[in-house]
Amino acid sequence: MDKYNYEGKVAETLVEVLFKKHGYLVKKFGVENQLDIGLDMFKTTKVKDKSAKESVAKFMAIPDFIVIKVKNEQLKQLYIVEVKYRTFKKYSDFEASIKEGGDIYKQAEKYKELWDGKVHIFLIAKIKENSDKKYDELQTYYGSVNLITDNKYIKSLDKKNYEWLQEEYFEEYKRYVDNFYRSK
């Protein structure tokens, strides 16, 4: 990931704060948080040894966060989360991205293989052309890599699909998403 990718970094921050406001512990986990200075070296260095190559591939695919819910001193939930931001020209481009061969599908496939399907993808999608709307649509999607690869589908993040969402925090999150990405 380009460490100067503003949209991606802002998406990570928004998702991190959303989880924290809902009482989750969030630990930054991604390779950019582990290496930072050496990241460019790993991207450009050729690795010939097969075992080393596989290790580097897994290392480069470290998801962004570990998200933990503790209640009464007991671990209740643990998620491994990868955050993505994408702009799509039209809704059909978004749909194509989660179908076999599409960008989000390929990302999900990679995480499924390297992390045993234990990764969840949080996608903030900006869809520029909507036939029924005069403005860009901003939507957040959330789902396991298994849901994406097995069903070519990802759920919209809303109260109907995710009961843990508290209305006030979710509305605040949506306002920040709208304020930042609508102008881009």
Protein backbone atom coordinates (compact mmCIF):
# COMPACT_ATOMS: atom_id res chain seq x y z
CA MET A 1 0.00 0.00 0.00
CA ASP A 2 1.22 3.43 -0.86
CA LYS A 3 1.83 5.09 2.50
CA TYR A 4 0.75 8.39 0.95
CA ASN A 5 -2.64 7.05 -0.19
CA TYR A 6 -4.87 9.57 1.62
CA GLU A 7 -8.19 7.95 0.76
CA GLY A 8 -7.05 4.54 1.99
CA LYS A 9 -5.51 5.91 5.18
CA VAL A 10 -8.62 7.97 5.96
CA ALA A 11 -10.79 4.87 5.39
CA GLU A 12 -8.65 2.93 7.88
CA THR A 13 -8.95 5.71 10.45
CA LEU A 14 -12.73 5.98 10.03
CA VAL A 15 -13.18 2.23 10.45
CA GLU A 16 -10.81 2.13 13.43
CA VAL A 17 -12.77 4.89 15.21
CA LEU A 18 -16.11 3.22 14.38
CA PHE A 19 -15.00 -0.01 16.05
CA LYS A 20 -13.52 1.82 19.04
CA LYS A 21 -16.72 3.80 19.61
CA HIS A 22 -18.57 0.47 19.71
CA GLY A 23 -16.31 -0.74 22.52
CA TYR A 24 -13.88 -2.85 20.52
CA LEU A 25 -10.13 -2.85 21.09
CA VAL A 26 -8.36 -2.14 17.80
CA LYS A 27 -4.72 -3.01 17.16
CA LYS A 28 -3.07 -1.80 13.96
CA PHE A 29 -1.68 -4.89 12.30
CA GLY A 30 -0.95 -4.17 8.61
CA VAL A 31 2.48 -4.51 7.09
CA GLU A 32 2.73 -0.72 6.73
CA ASN A 33 2.44 -0.51 10.53
CA GLN A 34 5.02 -3.23 11.12
CA LEU A 35 7.73 -2.17 8.67
CA ASP A 36 7.06 1.29 7.31
CA ILE A 37 10.64 2.11 6.26
CA GLY A 38 11.35 -1.32 4.75
CA LEU A 39 8.06 -1.66 2.88
CA ASP A 40 9.44 -0.32 -0.41
CA MET A 41 12.35 -2.73 -0.15
CA PHE A 42 9.98 -5.71 0.15
CA LYS A 43 7.96 -4.49 -2.83
CA THR A 44 10.98 -4.13 -5.14
CA THR A 45 13.35 -6.90 -4.02
CA LYS A 46 13.28 -10.10 -6.04
CA VAL A 47 13.09 -13.26 -3.93
CA LYS A 48 14.27 -16.49 -5.56
CA ASP A 49 13.88 -19.00 -2.70
CA LYS A 50 10.34 -20.46 -2.89
CA SER A 51 9.89 -20.73 0.87
CA ALA A 52 11.13 -17.17 1.42
CA LYS A 53 8.89 -15.97 -1.41
CA GLU A 54 5.82 -17.52 0.27
CA SER A 55 6.77 -15.97 3.61
CA VAL A 56 7.23 -12.53 2.04
CA ALA A 57 3.85 -12.87 0.24
CA LYS A 58 2.11 -13.67 3.53
CA PHE A 59 3.93 -10.87 5.32
CA MET A 60 2.95 -8.38 2.61
CA ALA A 61 -0.69 -9.49 3.02
CA ILE A 62 -1.03 -8.71 6.73
CA PRO A 63 -4.53 -7.26 7.18
CA ASP A 64 -4.95 -3.76 8.65
CA PHE A 65 -6.40 -4.52 12.10
CA ILE A 66 -7.06 -7.02 14.81
CA VAL A 67 -10.42 -6.08 16.35
CA ILE A 68 -11.29 -7.55 19.77
CA LYS A 69 -14.37 -7.42 21.98
CA VAL A 70 -13.79 -8.22 25.66
CA LYS A 71 -16.67 -8.45 28.13
CA ASN A 72 -16.34 -9.34 31.81
CA GLU A 73 -12.65 -10.08 31.25
CA GLN A 74 -13.49 -12.69 28.61
CA LEU A 75 -12.69 -12.59 24.91
CA LYS A 76 -16.07 -12.42 23.17
CA GLN A 77 -15.09 -11.66 19.57
CA LEU A 78 -11.94 -11.37 17.50
CA TYR A 79 -11.86 -10.16 13.90
CA ILE A 80 -9.03 -9.70 11.46
CA VAL A 81 -10.01 -6.73 9.30
CA GLU A 82 -8.74 -5.37 5.99
CA VAL A 83 -10.00 -1.91 4.98
CA LYS A 84 -10.37 -0.89 1.35
CA TYR A 85 -11.47 2.30 -0.38
CA ARG A 86 -12.46 2.18 -4.03
CA THR A 87 -14.02 4.56 -6.53
CA PHE A 88 -16.19 3.00 -9.25
CA LYS A 89 -17.46 4.76 -12.36
CA LYS A 90 -20.80 2.99 -12.17
CA TYR A 91 -22.60 0.41 -10.06
CA SER A 92 -21.88 -2.36 -12.55
CA ASP A 93 -18.14 -1.73 -11.99
CA PHE A 94 -18.66 -2.26 -8.26
CA GLU A 95 -20.56 -5.49 -8.97
CA ALA A 96 -17.77 -6.65 -11.29
CA SER A 97 -15.19 -6.01 -8.54
CA ILE A 98 -16.78 -8.64 -6.28
CA LYS A 99 -17.27 -11.22 -9.04
CA GLU A 100 -14.61 -13.77 -9.90
CA GLY A 101 -11.59 -11.99 -11.38
CA GLY A 102 -12.58 -8.57 -9.98
CA ASP A 103 -10.32 -6.47 -7.76
CA ILE A 104 -12.15 -7.01 -4.43
CA TYR A 105 -12.71 -10.68 -5.26
CA LYS A 106 -8.97 -11.14 -5.90
CA GLN A 107 -8.16 -9.41 -2.60
CA ALA A 108 -10.64 -11.68 -0.79
CA GLU A 109 -9.18 -14.73 -2.51
CA LYS A 110 -5.66 -13.75 -1.41
CA TYR A 111 -6.72 -13.27 2.22
CA LYS A 112 -8.74 -16.48 2.18
CA GLU A 113 -5.71 -18.44 1.04
CA LEU A 114 -3.09 -16.76 3.24
CA TRP A 115 -5.23 -16.29 6.37
CA ASP A 116 -7.50 -19.35 6.25
CA GLY A 117 -10.58 -17.29 5.44
CA LYS A 118 -10.46 -15.51 8.80
CA VAL A 119 -10.28 -11.98 7.35
CA HIS A 120 -13.19 -9.55 7.01
CA ILE A 121 -13.13 -6.81 4.39
CA PHE A 122 -14.49 -3.36 5.17
CA LEU A 123 -15.02 -1.56 1.85
CA ILE A 124 -15.90 2.10 1.46
CA ALA A 125 -17.16 2.42 -2.11
CA LYS A 126 -17.80 5.61 -4.03
CA ILE A 127 -19.97 5.00 -7.06
CA LYS A 128 -19.90 7.97 -9.40
CA GLU A 129 -22.79 7.25 -11.81
CA ASN A 130 -26.17 6.20 -10.52
CA SER A 131 -29.12 6.35 -12.85
CA ASP A 132 -31.58 7.13 -10.06
CA LYS A 133 -29.43 9.63 -8.14
CA LYS A 134 -27.87 12.92 -9.14
CA TYR A 135 -24.89 12.56 -6.81
CA ASP A 136 -22.15 10.08 -6.04
CA GLU A 137 -23.24 7.18 -3.88
CA LEU A 138 -21.07 6.44 -0.87
CA GLN A 139 -21.65 3.08 0.73
CA THR A 140 -19.77 0.92 3.21
CA TYR A 141 -19.74 -2.84 2.79
CA TYR A 142 -18.51 -5.43 5.26
CA GLY A 143 -18.11 -9.17 5.02
CA SER A 144 -15.86 -12.15 5.40
CA VAL A 145 -13.57 -13.12 2.56
CA ASN A 146 -15.48 -16.43 2.46
CA LEU A 147 -18.75 -14.58 1.77
CA ILE A 148 -17.12 -12.72 -1.10
CA THR A 149 -15.34 -15.69 -2.69
CA ASP A 150 -18.09 -18.27 -2.13
CA ASN A 151 -21.11 -16.09 -2.97
CA LYS A 152 -19.57 -13.19 -4.97
CA TYR A 153 -21.40 -10.91 -2.55
CA ILE A 154 -20.64 -8.42 0.24
CA LYS A 155 -23.24 -6.98 2.63
CA SER A 156 -24.02 -3.32 2.99
CA LEU A 157 -23.01 -2.06 6.42
CA ASP A 158 -26.25 -1.03 8.08
CA LYS A 159 -28.33 -1.76 11.16
CA LYS A 160 -30.40 -4.36 9.29
CA ASN A 161 -27.32 -6.48 8.48
CA TYR A 162 -25.25 -5.74 11.58
CA GLU A 163 -27.18 -5.44 14.85
CA TRP A 164 -24.11 -4.36 16.84
CA LEU A 165 -24.16 -0.96 15.12
CA GLN A 166 -25.32 1.80 17.44
CA GLU A 167 -27.31 4.38 15.51
CA GLU A 168 -25.57 7.51 16.83
CA TYR A 169 -22.06 6.19 16.15
CA PHE A 170 -23.01 4.82 12.75
CA GLU A 171 -24.64 8.10 11.70
CA GLU A 172 -21.55 10.00 12.86
CA TYR A 173 -19.34 7.59 10.86
CA LYS A 174 -21.48 8.11 7.74
CA ARG A 175 -21.23 11.91 8.12
CA TYR A 176 -17.43 11.71 8.23
CA VAL A 177 -17.35 9.37 5.24
CA ASP A 178 -19.62 11.74 3.34
CA ASN A 179 -17.68 14.87 4.32
CA PHE A 180 -14.34 13.45 3.25
CA TYR A 181 -15.15 11.38 0.16
CA ARG A 182 -17.96 13.42 -1.40
CA SER A 183 -15.51 16.21 -2.30
CA LYS A 184 -12.90 13.88 -3.82
